[in-house]
Amino acid sequence: MQKDTSRKRGQVMLEYVVALGVFVAMIGLCALLLYAFKSYGGRILNVMAGA
């Protein structure tokens, strides 16, 4: 019985770690996209305005 609860605790901990990793990756990707759009947004608007 003790092994079963220990295995479940390990699985729950692993799921939390995986979910946290996915969340951190999504935040990092959003920050990267925000940086890219802020730095190149002016160029894109200039190209569109000149066309």
PDB file of N, CA and C in Angstrom:
ATOM      1  N   MET A   1       0.826  -1.197   0.000  1.00  0.00           N
ATOM      2  CA  MET A   1       0.000   0.000   0.000  1.00  0.00           C
ATOM      3  C   MET A   1       0.869   1.260   0.000  1.00  0.00           C
ATOM      4  N   GLN A   2       1.967   1.203   0.708  1.00  0.00           N
ATOM      5  CA  GLN A   2       2.847   2.376   0.781  1.00  0.00           C
ATOM      6  C   GLN A   2       3.456   2.705  -0.575  1.00  0.00           C
ATOM      7  N   LYS A   3       3.807   1.672  -1.350  1.00  0.00           N
ATOM      8  CA  LYS A   3       4.400   1.925  -2.672  1.00  0.00           C
ATOM      9  C   LYS A   3       3.416   2.628  -3.601  1.00  0.00           C
ATOM     10  N   ASP A   4       2.142   2.268  -3.495  1.00  0.00           N
ATOM     11  CA  ASP A   4       1.128   2.850  -4.370  1.00  0.00           C
ATOM     12  C   ASP A   4       0.983   4.351  -4.125  1.00  0.00           C
ATOM     13  N   THR A   5       0.926   4.772  -2.862  1.00  0.00           N
ATOM     14  CA  THR A   5       0.789   6.203  -2.575  1.00  0.00           C
ATOM     15  C   THR A   5       2.054   6.957  -2.947  1.00  0.00           C
ATOM     16  N   SER A   6       3.200   6.312  -2.762  1.00  0.00           N
ATOM     17  CA  SER A   6       4.465   6.958  -3.144  1.00  0.00           C
ATOM     18  C   SER A   6       4.532   7.154  -4.651  1.00  0.00           C
ATOM     19  N   ARG A   7       4.072   6.168  -5.392  1.00  0.00           N
ATOM     20  CA  ARG A   7       4.079   6.268  -6.857  1.00  0.00           C
ATOM     21  C   ARG A   7       3.133   7.373  -7.317  1.00  0.00           C
ATOM     22  N   LYS A   8       1.963   7.478  -6.677  1.00  0.00           N
ATOM     23  CA  LYS A   8       1.006   8.527  -7.045  1.00  0.00           C
ATOM     24  C   LYS A   8       1.573   9.906  -6.744  1.00  0.00           C
ATOM     25  N   ARG A   9       2.250  10.040  -5.599  1.00  0.00           N
ATOM     26  CA  ARG A   9       2.851  11.332  -5.263  1.00  0.00           C
ATOM     27  C   ARG A   9       3.916  11.721  -6.278  1.00  0.00           C
ATOM     28  N   GLY A  10       4.697  10.761  -6.705  1.00  0.00           N
ATOM     29  CA  GLY A  10       5.714  11.039  -7.710  1.00  0.00           C
ATOM     30  C   GLY A  10       5.106  11.443  -9.040  1.00  0.00           C
ATOM     31  N   GLN A  11       4.008  10.789  -9.407  1.00  0.00           N
ATOM     32  CA  GLN A  11       3.352  11.110 -10.671  1.00  0.00           C
ATOM     33  C   GLN A  11       2.761  12.520 -10.615  1.00  0.00           C
ATOM     34  N   VAL A  12       2.142  12.873  -9.494  1.00  0.00           N
ATOM     35  CA  VAL A  12       1.561  14.213  -9.347  1.00  0.00           C
ATOM     36  C   VAL A  12       2.656  15.268  -9.398  1.00  0.00           C
ATOM     37  N   MET A  13       3.767  14.995  -8.722  1.00  0.00           N
ATOM     38  CA  MET A  13       4.888  15.940  -8.732  1.00  0.00           C
ATOM     39  C   MET A  13       5.430  16.101 -10.147  1.00  0.00           C
ATOM     40  N   LEU A  14       5.551  15.008 -10.880  1.00  0.00           N
ATOM     41  CA  LEU A  14       6.029  15.078 -12.257  1.00  0.00           C
ATOM     42  C   LEU A  14       5.072  15.888 -13.130  1.00  0.00           C
ATOM     43  N   GLU A  15       3.775  15.696 -12.924  1.00  0.00           N
ATOM     44  CA  GLU A  15       2.795  16.451 -13.711  1.00  0.00           C
ATOM     45  C   GLU A  15       2.888  17.944 -13.417  1.00  0.00           C
ATOM     46  N   TYR A  16       3.077  18.295 -12.139  1.00  0.00           N
ATOM     47  CA  TYR A  16       3.232  19.709 -11.795  1.00  0.00           C
ATOM     48  C   TYR A  16       4.496  20.291 -12.420  1.00  0.00           C
ATOM     49  N   VAL A  17       5.571  19.538 -12.414  1.00  0.00           N
ATOM     50  CA  VAL A  17       6.834  20.031 -12.983  1.00  0.00           C
ATOM     51  C   VAL A  17       6.693  20.219 -14.495  1.00  0.00           C
ATOM     52  N   VAL A  18       6.032  19.268 -15.159  1.00  0.00           N
ATOM     53  CA  VAL A  18       5.832  19.384 -16.612  1.00  0.00           C
ATOM     54  C   VAL A  18       4.934  20.582 -16.924  1.00  0.00           C
ATOM     55  N   ALA A  19       3.856  20.752 -16.160  1.00  0.00           N
ATOM     56  CA  ALA A  19       2.956  21.883 -16.384  1.00  0.00           C
ATOM     57  C   ALA A  19       3.685  23.207 -16.148  1.00  0.00           C
ATOM     58  N   LEU A  20       4.506  23.263 -15.117  1.00  0.00           N
ATOM     59  CA  LEU A  20       5.279  24.477 -14.848  1.00  0.00           C
ATOM     60  C   LEU A  20       6.270  24.752 -15.976  1.00  0.00           C
ATOM     61  N   GLY A  21       6.901  23.717 -16.496  1.00  0.00           N
ATOM     62  CA  GLY A  21       7.832  23.879 -17.609  1.00  0.00           C
ATOM     63  C   GLY A  21       7.138  24.409 -18.857  1.00  0.00           C
ATOM     64  N   VAL A  22       5.959  23.875 -19.154  1.00  0.00           N
ATOM     65  CA  VAL A  22       5.196  24.352 -20.316  1.00  0.00           C
ATOM     66  C   VAL A  22       4.781  25.805 -20.116  1.00  0.00           C
ATOM     67  N   PHE A  23       4.371  26.155 -18.900  1.00  0.00           N
ATOM     68  CA  PHE A  23       3.972  27.531 -18.607  1.00  0.00           C
ATOM     69  C   PHE A  23       5.137  28.495 -18.773  1.00  0.00           C
ATOM     70  N   VAL A  24       6.295  28.124 -18.260  1.00  0.00           N
ATOM     71  CA  VAL A  24       7.484  28.981 -18.387  1.00  0.00           C
ATOM     72  C   VAL A  24       7.881  29.118 -19.856  1.00  0.00           C
ATOM     73  N   ALA A  25       7.779  28.032 -20.621  1.00  0.00           N
ATOM     74  CA  ALA A  25       8.110  28.091 -22.041  1.00  0.00           C
ATOM     75  C   ALA A  25       7.141  29.018 -22.786  1.00  0.00           C
ATOM     76  N   MET A  26       5.869  28.961 -22.445  1.00  0.00           N
ATOM     77  CA  MET A  26       4.884  29.834 -23.100  1.00  0.00           C
ATOM     78  C   MET A  26       5.131  31.301 -22.754  1.00  0.00           C
ATOM     79  N   ILE A  27       5.473  31.584 -21.497  1.00  0.00           N
ATOM     80  CA  ILE A  27       5.776  32.960 -21.099  1.00  0.00           C
ATOM     81  C   ILE A  27       7.015  33.462 -21.842  1.00  0.00           C
ATOM     82  N   GLY A  28       8.020  32.606 -21.957  1.00  0.00           N
ATOM     83  CA  GLY A  28       9.230  32.980 -22.690  1.00  0.00           C
ATOM     84  C   GLY A  28       8.947  33.248 -24.160  1.00  0.00           C
ATOM     85  N   LEU A  29       8.118  32.417 -24.764  1.00  0.00           N
ATOM     86  CA  LEU A  29       7.765  32.612 -26.173  1.00  0.00           C
ATOM     87  C   LEU A  29       6.974  33.900 -26.366  1.00  0.00           C
ATOM     88  N   CYS A  30       6.056  34.177 -25.464  1.00  0.00           N
ATOM     89  CA  CYS A  30       5.288  35.427 -25.550  1.00  0.00           C
ATOM     90  C   CYS A  30       6.203  36.641 -25.401  1.00  0.00           C
ATOM     91  N   ALA A  31       7.160  36.560 -24.487  1.00  0.00           N
ATOM     92  CA  ALA A  31       8.092  37.673 -24.312  1.00  0.00           C
ATOM     93  C   ALA A  31       8.949  37.864 -25.562  1.00  0.00           C
ATOM     94  N   LEU A  32       9.378  36.767 -26.161  1.00  0.00           N
ATOM     95  CA  LEU A  32      10.176  36.850 -27.385  1.00  0.00           C
ATOM     96  C   LEU A  32       9.373  37.465 -28.531  1.00  0.00           C
ATOM     97  N   LEU A  33       8.129  37.049 -28.686  1.00  0.00           N
ATOM     98  CA  LEU A  33       7.286  37.618 -29.743  1.00  0.00           C
ATOM     99  C   LEU A  33       7.012  39.098 -29.490  1.00  0.00           C
ATOM    100  N   LEU A  34       6.768  39.451 -28.235  1.00  0.00           N
ATOM    101  CA  LEU A  34       6.532  40.859 -27.912  1.00  0.00           C
ATOM    102  C   LEU A  34       7.753  41.703 -28.246  1.00  0.00           C
ATOM    103  N   TYR A  35       8.946  41.203 -27.916  1.00  0.00           N
ATOM    104  CA  TYR A  35      10.180  41.923 -28.234  1.00  0.00           C
ATOM    105  C   TYR A  35      10.343  42.070 -29.747  1.00  0.00           C
ATOM    106  N   ALA A  36      10.098  40.987 -30.484  1.00  0.00           N
ATOM    107  CA  ALA A  36      10.263  41.032 -31.940  1.00  0.00           C
ATOM    108  C   ALA A  36       9.283  42.006 -32.577  1.00  0.00           C
ATOM    109  N   PHE A  37       8.036  41.979 -32.143  1.00  0.00           N
ATOM    110  CA  PHE A  37       7.052  42.876 -32.740  1.00  0.00           C
ATOM    111  C   PHE A  37       7.302  44.331 -32.356  1.00  0.00           C
ATOM    112  N   LYS A  38       7.818  44.560 -31.157  1.00  0.00           N
ATOM    113  CA  LYS A  38       8.117  45.946 -30.767  1.00  0.00           C
ATOM    114  C   LYS A  38       9.305  46.489 -31.553  1.00  0.00           C
ATOM    115  N   SER A  39      10.320  45.648 -31.775  1.00  0.00           N
ATOM    116  CA  SER A  39      11.509  46.155 -32.452  1.00  0.00           C
ATOM    117  C   SER A  39      11.308  46.289 -33.958  1.00  0.00           C
ATOM    118  N   TYR A  40      10.499  45.431 -34.554  1.00  0.00           N
ATOM    119  CA  TYR A  40      10.307  45.499 -36.004  1.00  0.00           C
ATOM    120  C   TYR A  40       8.962  46.079 -36.400  1.00  0.00           C
ATOM    121  N   GLY A  41       8.137  46.472 -35.436  1.00  0.00           N
ATOM    122  CA  GLY A  41       6.811  47.009 -35.756  1.00  0.00           C
ATOM    123  C   GLY A  41       6.884  48.303 -36.541  1.00  0.00           C
ATOM    124  N   GLY A  42       7.828  49.169 -36.202  1.00  0.00           N
ATOM    125  CA  GLY A  42       7.965  50.434 -36.917  1.00  0.00           C
ATOM    126  C   GLY A  42       8.360  50.227 -38.368  1.00  0.00           C
ATOM    127  N   ARG A  43       9.243  49.284 -38.609  1.00  0.00           N
ATOM    128  CA  ARG A  43       9.650  49.001 -40.000  1.00  0.00           C
ATOM    129  C   ARG A  43       8.489  48.486 -40.807  1.00  0.00           C
ATOM    130  N   ILE A  44       7.708  47.593 -40.230  1.00  0.00           N
ATOM    131  CA  ILE A  44       6.564  47.040 -40.960  1.00  0.00           C
ATOM    132  C   ILE A  44       5.554  48.142 -41.288  1.00  0.00           C
ATOM    133  N   LEU A  45       5.294  49.031 -40.318  1.00  0.00           N
ATOM    134  CA  LEU A  45       4.342  50.121 -40.577  1.00  0.00           C
ATOM    135  C   LEU A  45       4.875  51.075 -41.641  1.00  0.00           C
ATOM    136  N   ASN A  46       6.197  51.336 -41.635  1.00  0.00           N
ATOM    137  CA  ASN A  46       6.779  52.203 -42.662  1.00  0.00           C
ATOM    138  C   ASN A  46       6.664  51.584 -44.050  1.00  0.00           C
ATOM    139  N   VAL A  47       6.896  50.302 -44.137  1.00  0.00           N
ATOM    140  CA  VAL A  47       6.796  49.625 -45.442  1.00  0.00           C
ATOM    141  C   VAL A  47       5.359  49.663 -45.934  1.00  0.00           C
ATOM    142  N   MET A  48       4.414  49.411 -45.029  1.00  0.00           N
ATOM    143  CA  MET A  48       3.011  49.429 -45.433  1.00  0.00           C
ATOM    144  C   MET A  48       2.551  50.836 -45.785  1.00  0.00           C
ATOM    145  N   ALA A  49       3.030  51.832 -45.089  1.00  0.00           N
ATOM    146  CA  ALA A  49       2.630  53.220 -45.354  1.00  0.00           C
ATOM    147  C   ALA A  49       3.229  53.709 -46.678  1.00  0.00           C
ATOM    148  N   GLY A  50       4.409  53.197 -47.026  1.00  0.00           N
ATOM    149  CA  GLY A  50       5.054  53.635 -48.271  1.00  0.00           C
ATOM    150  C   GLY A  50       4.512  52.943 -49.503  1.00  0.00           C
ATOM    151  N   ALA A  51       3.784  51.865 -49.313  1.00  0.00           N
ATOM    152  CA  ALA A  51       3.293  51.116 -50.485  1.00  0.00           C
ATOM    153  C   ALA A  51       2.078  51.745 -51.110  1.00  0.00           C
TER     154      ALA A  51
END
